[in-house]
Amino acid sequence: MTVKVTERDDAHMSHEGIAAGIRIWDVHQQDLLVGMFHSETDAHSYKAELEREERQRSRETAES
């Protein structure tokens, strides 16, 4: 599974968001947007959570 955290660029932000200085981090899982966060730390925490869940599912499948 591929999980990526990227900062949203200005081309994908509203004019209001840019003017307010808002920064958004997107979390993509297998190229699908699965989360948006105002905090980079929160985005990376969510990424880690998704990766932990995937490892757990992989182990459970291997044990079956």
N, C-alpha and C. Protein backbone atom coordinates (compact mmCIF):
# COMPACT_ATOMS: atom_id res chain seq x y z
N MET A 1 0.85 -1.17 0.00
CA MET A 1 0.00 0.00 0.00
C MET A 1 0.90 1.23 0.00
N THR A 2 0.48 2.21 -0.73
CA THR A 2 1.20 3.47 -0.78
C THR A 2 0.38 4.56 -0.13
N VAL A 3 0.96 5.19 0.89
CA VAL A 3 0.31 6.32 1.55
C VAL A 3 1.28 7.50 1.47
N LYS A 4 0.79 8.63 0.95
CA LYS A 4 1.62 9.81 0.78
C LYS A 4 0.97 11.01 1.47
N VAL A 5 1.80 11.89 2.00
CA VAL A 5 1.35 13.17 2.55
C VAL A 5 1.97 14.26 1.68
N THR A 6 1.11 15.14 1.15
CA THR A 6 1.61 16.24 0.33
C THR A 6 0.93 17.53 0.76
N GLU A 7 1.68 18.62 0.65
CA GLU A 7 1.09 19.93 0.92
C GLU A 7 0.34 20.36 -0.32
N ARG A 8 -0.88 20.83 -0.12
CA ARG A 8 -1.71 21.25 -1.24
C ARG A 8 -1.12 22.53 -1.85
N ASP A 9 -0.98 22.54 -3.16
CA ASP A 9 -0.40 23.73 -3.80
C ASP A 9 -1.49 24.78 -4.05
N ASP A 10 -1.03 26.00 -4.32
CA ASP A 10 -1.96 27.12 -4.48
C ASP A 10 -2.96 26.91 -5.61
N ALA A 11 -2.59 26.15 -6.62
CA ALA A 11 -3.50 25.90 -7.74
C ALA A 11 -4.74 25.12 -7.30
N HIS A 12 -4.65 24.43 -6.16
CA HIS A 12 -5.79 23.64 -5.68
C HIS A 12 -6.41 24.21 -4.41
N MET A 13 -6.11 25.49 -4.14
CA MET A 13 -6.67 26.17 -2.96
C MET A 13 -7.62 27.27 -3.43
N SER A 14 -8.56 27.62 -2.59
CA SER A 14 -9.45 28.74 -2.90
C SER A 14 -8.68 30.05 -2.74
N HIS A 15 -9.15 31.09 -3.39
CA HIS A 15 -8.52 32.41 -3.25
C HIS A 15 -8.58 32.87 -1.80
N GLU A 16 -9.68 32.55 -1.12
CA GLU A 16 -9.84 32.95 0.28
C GLU A 16 -8.82 32.23 1.16
N GLY A 17 -8.62 30.96 0.90
CA GLY A 17 -7.66 30.19 1.67
C GLY A 17 -6.24 30.69 1.50
N ILE A 18 -5.91 31.03 0.26
CA ILE A 18 -4.57 31.58 -0.02
C ILE A 18 -4.39 32.91 0.70
N ALA A 19 -5.41 33.78 0.61
CA ALA A 19 -5.33 35.11 1.24
C ALA A 19 -5.20 34.99 2.76
N ALA A 20 -5.84 33.98 3.34
CA ALA A 20 -5.81 33.79 4.79
C ALA A 20 -4.54 33.07 5.24
N GLY A 21 -3.75 32.61 4.29
CA GLY A 21 -2.52 31.91 4.64
C GLY A 21 -2.74 30.50 5.13
N ILE A 22 -3.87 29.92 4.77
CA ILE A 22 -4.19 28.55 5.20
C ILE A 22 -3.35 27.55 4.42
N ARG A 23 -2.81 26.59 5.13
CA ARG A 23 -2.06 25.50 4.51
C ARG A 23 -2.81 24.20 4.78
N ILE A 24 -2.85 23.36 3.77
CA ILE A 24 -3.57 22.08 3.89
C ILE A 24 -2.66 20.96 3.40
N TRP A 25 -2.65 19.87 4.17
CA TRP A 25 -1.90 18.67 3.79
C TRP A 25 -2.90 17.60 3.43
N ASP A 26 -2.70 17.00 2.28
CA ASP A 26 -3.55 15.92 1.79
C ASP A 26 -2.88 14.58 2.07
N VAL A 27 -3.68 13.60 2.43
CA VAL A 27 -3.20 12.23 2.60
C VAL A 27 -3.84 11.39 1.50
N HIS A 28 -3.01 10.77 0.69
CA HIS A 28 -3.47 9.91 -0.40
C HIS A 28 -3.08 8.48 -0.10
N GLN A 29 -4.04 7.58 -0.29
CA GLN A 29 -3.78 6.14 -0.14
C GLN A 29 -4.08 5.52 -1.49
N GLN A 30 -3.06 4.93 -2.10
CA GLN A 30 -3.17 4.34 -3.44
C GLN A 30 -3.77 5.35 -4.41
N ASP A 31 -3.27 6.58 -4.37
CA ASP A 31 -3.65 7.68 -5.25
C ASP A 31 -5.08 8.18 -5.05
N LEU A 32 -5.74 7.79 -3.97
CA LEU A 32 -7.06 8.32 -3.63
C LEU A 32 -6.93 9.23 -2.42
N LEU A 33 -7.57 10.38 -2.47
CA LEU A 33 -7.55 11.31 -1.34
C LEU A 33 -8.37 10.71 -0.20
N VAL A 34 -7.72 10.51 0.95
CA VAL A 34 -8.41 9.90 2.09
C VAL A 34 -8.44 10.81 3.31
N GLY A 35 -7.75 11.96 3.23
CA GLY A 35 -7.77 12.87 4.37
C GLY A 35 -7.16 14.22 4.03
N MET A 36 -7.66 15.25 4.70
CA MET A 36 -7.13 16.61 4.54
C MET A 36 -6.97 17.19 5.94
N PHE A 37 -5.80 17.78 6.19
CA PHE A 37 -5.48 18.27 7.53
C PHE A 37 -4.86 19.66 7.46
N HIS A 38 -5.13 20.48 8.46
CA HIS A 38 -4.51 21.79 8.58
C HIS A 38 -3.15 21.69 9.24
N SER A 39 -2.86 20.56 9.87
CA SER A 39 -1.61 20.35 10.57
C SER A 39 -0.83 19.24 9.87
N GLU A 40 0.43 19.54 9.54
CA GLU A 40 1.26 18.51 8.92
C GLU A 40 1.47 17.33 9.86
N THR A 41 1.59 17.63 11.15
CA THR A 41 1.77 16.57 12.15
C THR A 41 0.57 15.63 12.16
N ASP A 42 -0.64 16.20 12.11
CA ASP A 42 -1.85 15.37 12.09
C ASP A 42 -1.90 14.51 10.82
N ALA A 43 -1.48 15.08 9.70
CA ALA A 43 -1.49 14.34 8.44
C ALA A 43 -0.54 13.14 8.52
N HIS A 44 0.64 13.36 9.09
CA HIS A 44 1.61 12.26 9.21
C HIS A 44 1.15 11.22 10.23
N SER A 45 0.46 11.66 11.27
CA SER A 45 -0.09 10.72 12.25
C SER A 45 -1.14 9.83 11.60
N TYR A 46 -1.99 10.42 10.77
CA TYR A 46 -3.02 9.65 10.07
C TYR A 46 -2.37 8.67 9.10
N LYS A 47 -1.32 9.10 8.41
CA LYS A 47 -0.59 8.22 7.50
C LYS A 47 -0.06 7.01 8.27
N ALA A 48 0.55 7.26 9.42
CA ALA A 48 1.10 6.17 10.24
C ALA A 48 -0.01 5.22 10.68
N GLU A 49 -1.16 5.77 11.04
CA GLU A 49 -2.29 4.94 11.45
C GLU A 49 -2.75 4.04 10.30
N LEU A 50 -2.86 4.60 9.10
CA LEU A 50 -3.26 3.80 7.94
C LEU A 50 -2.26 2.68 7.66
N GLU A 51 -0.97 3.01 7.79
CA GLU A 51 0.06 1.99 7.54
C GLU A 51 0.03 0.90 8.60
N ARG A 52 -0.21 1.27 9.86
CA ARG A 52 -0.33 0.25 10.93
C ARG A 52 -1.51 -0.68 10.66
N GLU A 53 -2.64 -0.11 10.29
CA GLU A 53 -3.83 -0.93 10.01
C GLU A 53 -3.58 -1.88 8.85
N GLU A 54 -2.90 -1.41 7.82
CA GLU A 54 -2.61 -2.26 6.67
C GLU A 54 -1.67 -3.40 7.05
N ARG A 55 -0.65 -3.11 7.87
CA ARG A 55 0.25 -4.19 8.33
C ARG A 55 -0.52 -5.23 9.14
N GLN A 56 -1.42 -4.75 9.98
CA GLN A 56 -2.21 -5.66 10.81
C GLN A 56 -3.09 -6.55 9.92
N ARG A 57 -3.73 -5.95 8.92
CA ARG A 57 -4.57 -6.74 8.01
C ARG A 57 -3.73 -7.76 7.24
N SER A 58 -2.53 -7.37 6.85
CA SER A 58 -1.65 -8.29 6.12
C SER A 58 -1.26 -9.48 6.99
N ARG A 59 -0.95 -9.21 8.26
CA ARG A 59 -0.59 -10.30 9.18
C ARG A 59 -1.78 -11.24 9.39
N GLU A 60 -2.97 -10.67 9.56
CA GLU A 60 -4.16 -11.50 9.79
C GLU A 60 -4.44 -12.37 8.57
N THR A 61 -4.24 -11.82 7.38
CA THR A 61 -4.47 -12.58 6.16
C THR A 61 -3.43 -13.70 6.03
N ALA A 62 -2.19 -13.40 6.39
CA ALA A 62 -1.13 -14.41 6.30
C ALA A 62 -1.36 -15.55 7.27
N GLU A 63 -1.95 -15.25 8.42
CA GLU A 63 -2.21 -16.29 9.43
C GLU A 63 -3.40 -17.17 9.08
N SER A 64 -4.25 -16.69 8.19
CA SER A 64 -5.46 -17.46 7.84
C SER A 64 -5.15 -18.62 6.94
